[in-house]
Amino acid sequence: MPLDPPQTSTSDTTWVINGRLNASSVTGFQTTIFVEGLSTEGEGDALLQDLVDLLSTRYYNVVGIKGFTAYTTRNMTKS
């Protein structure tokens, strides 16, 4: 059966920061950053970097992650 041309979509970008209280602690944290209104992806990137830099001086194994989901769909057409 023939397929329509592919349609690619992406989700909104999310920024997440993970870390732990110290090297031997099971207590950790996770923070999510979101942008609203006229905010830009660049502002989210800058805030992620600022928070990672700030939290890394006090907490262990602080990691910032920027992510989004992309997917492609193709509708099947009648033959």
C-alpha atoms as a PDB file:
ATOM      1  CA  MET A   1       0.000   0.000   0.000  1.00  0.00           C
ATOM      2  CA  PRO A   2       1.301   3.482  -0.786  1.00  0.00           C
ATOM      3  CA  LEU A   3       2.315   5.883   1.963  1.00  0.00           C
ATOM      4  CA  ASP A   4       1.847   9.630   2.234  1.00  0.00           C
ATOM      5  CA  PRO A   5       4.996  11.779   2.532  1.00  0.00           C
ATOM      6  CA  PRO A   6       6.482  11.650   6.044  1.00  0.00           C
ATOM      7  CA  GLN A   7       5.362  14.260   8.580  1.00  0.00           C
ATOM      8  CA  THR A   8       7.899  15.047  11.309  1.00  0.00           C
ATOM      9  CA  SER A   9       6.859  16.606  14.612  1.00  0.00           C
ATOM     10  CA  THR A  10       8.756  17.593  17.748  1.00  0.00           C
ATOM     11  CA  SER A  11       7.623  18.131  21.314  1.00  0.00           C
ATOM     12  CA  ASP A  12       8.409  21.201  23.379  1.00  0.00           C
ATOM     13  CA  THR A  13      11.961  21.430  24.689  1.00  0.00           C
ATOM     14  CA  THR A  14      12.462  20.546  28.337  1.00  0.00           C
ATOM     15  CA  TRP A  15      15.418  21.223  30.585  1.00  0.00           C
ATOM     16  CA  VAL A  16      16.047  19.080  33.665  1.00  0.00           C
ATOM     17  CA  ILE A  17      18.691  19.291  36.402  1.00  0.00           C
ATOM     18  CA  ASN A  18      19.531  16.284  38.577  1.00  0.00           C
ATOM     19  CA  GLY A  19      21.880  16.082  41.532  1.00  0.00           C
ATOM     20  CA  ARG A  20      22.577  14.527  44.944  1.00  0.00           C
ATOM     21  CA  LEU A  21      23.136  15.932  48.406  1.00  0.00           C
ATOM     22  CA  ASN A  22      26.622  14.370  48.559  1.00  0.00           C
ATOM     23  CA  ALA A  23      28.584  11.393  47.200  1.00  0.00           C
ATOM     24  CA  SER A  24      27.230   8.905  49.733  1.00  0.00           C
ATOM     25  CA  SER A  25      23.676  10.248  49.939  1.00  0.00           C
ATOM     26  CA  VAL A  26      20.573   8.645  48.487  1.00  0.00           C
ATOM     27  CA  THR A  27      18.847  12.027  48.771  1.00  0.00           C
ATOM     28  CA  GLY A  28      18.689  13.726  45.411  1.00  0.00           C
ATOM     29  CA  PHE A  29      16.836  16.454  43.583  1.00  0.00           C
ATOM     30  CA  GLN A  30      15.377  17.084  40.170  1.00  0.00           C
ATOM     31  CA  THR A  31      14.350  20.472  38.818  1.00  0.00           C
ATOM     32  CA  THR A  32      12.484  21.159  35.581  1.00  0.00           C
ATOM     33  CA  ILE A  33      12.753  24.421  33.628  1.00  0.00           C
ATOM     34  CA  PHE A  34      10.017  25.567  31.274  1.00  0.00           C
ATOM     35  CA  VAL A  35       9.556  28.638  29.085  1.00  0.00           C
ATOM     36  CA  GLU A  36       6.320  30.567  28.652  1.00  0.00           C
ATOM     37  CA  GLY A  37       4.982  33.301  26.423  1.00  0.00           C
ATOM     38  CA  LEU A  38       7.692  35.227  24.636  1.00  0.00           C
ATOM     39  CA  SER A  39      10.546  33.303  26.259  1.00  0.00           C
ATOM     40  CA  THR A  40      13.020  31.649  23.919  1.00  0.00           C
ATOM     41  CA  GLU A  41      14.916  28.387  23.789  1.00  0.00           C
ATOM     42  CA  GLY A  42      18.117  30.393  24.321  1.00  0.00           C
ATOM     43  CA  GLU A  43      16.779  31.690  27.641  1.00  0.00           C
ATOM     44  CA  GLY A  44      16.067  28.124  28.739  1.00  0.00           C
ATOM     45  CA  ASP A  45      19.602  27.108  27.747  1.00  0.00           C
ATOM     46  CA  ALA A  46      21.109  30.028  29.677  1.00  0.00           C
ATOM     47  CA  LEU A  47      19.047  29.313  32.790  1.00  0.00           C
ATOM     48  CA  LEU A  48      20.018  25.638  32.682  1.00  0.00           C
ATOM     49  CA  GLN A  49      23.711  26.540  32.507  1.00  0.00           C
ATOM     50  CA  ASP A  50      23.430  29.126  35.291  1.00  0.00           C
ATOM     51  CA  LEU A  51      21.663  26.684  37.613  1.00  0.00           C
ATOM     52  CA  VAL A  52      24.117  23.865  36.895  1.00  0.00           C
ATOM     53  CA  ASP A  53      27.030  26.213  37.645  1.00  0.00           C
ATOM     54  CA  LEU A  54      25.391  27.457  40.847  1.00  0.00           C
ATOM     55  CA  LEU A  55      24.275  24.077  42.193  1.00  0.00           C
ATOM     56  CA  SER A  56      27.549  22.321  41.294  1.00  0.00           C
ATOM     57  CA  THR A  57      29.400  24.366  43.906  1.00  0.00           C
ATOM     58  CA  ARG A  58      27.218  22.939  46.693  1.00  0.00           C
ATOM     59  CA  TYR A  59      25.858  19.561  45.568  1.00  0.00           C
ATOM     60  CA  TYR A  60      27.283  16.341  44.112  1.00  0.00           C
ATOM     61  CA  ASN A  61      26.978  15.043  40.553  1.00  0.00           C
ATOM     62  CA  VAL A  62      24.833  17.893  39.230  1.00  0.00           C
ATOM     63  CA  VAL A  63      23.847  17.263  35.609  1.00  0.00           C
ATOM     64  CA  GLY A  64      21.790  19.418  33.252  1.00  0.00           C
ATOM     65  CA  ILE A  65      19.841  17.777  30.447  1.00  0.00           C
ATOM     66  CA  LYS A  66      18.142  19.427  27.482  1.00  0.00           C
ATOM     67  CA  GLY A  67      15.769  17.260  25.545  1.00  0.00           C
ATOM     68  CA  PHE A  68      12.877  16.974  23.162  1.00  0.00           C
ATOM     69  CA  THR A  69      11.115  14.182  21.354  1.00  0.00           C
ATOM     70  CA  ALA A  70      10.957  13.975  17.565  1.00  0.00           C
ATOM     71  CA  TYR A  71       8.852  11.510  15.658  1.00  0.00           C
ATOM     72  CA  THR A  72       7.856  10.882  12.058  1.00  0.00           C
ATOM     73  CA  THR A  73       4.543   9.519  10.885  1.00  0.00           C
ATOM     74  CA  ARG A  74       3.348   8.377   7.471  1.00  0.00           C
ATOM     75  CA  ASN A  75      -0.289   7.732   6.704  1.00  0.00           C
ATOM     76  CA  MET A  76      -1.115   4.742   4.605  1.00  0.00           C
ATOM     77  CA  THR A  77      -3.294   5.569   1.609  1.00  0.00           C
ATOM     78  CA  LYS A  78      -5.754   3.433  -0.233  1.00  0.00           C
ATOM     79  CA  SER A  79      -4.200   1.421  -3.051  1.00  0.00           C
END
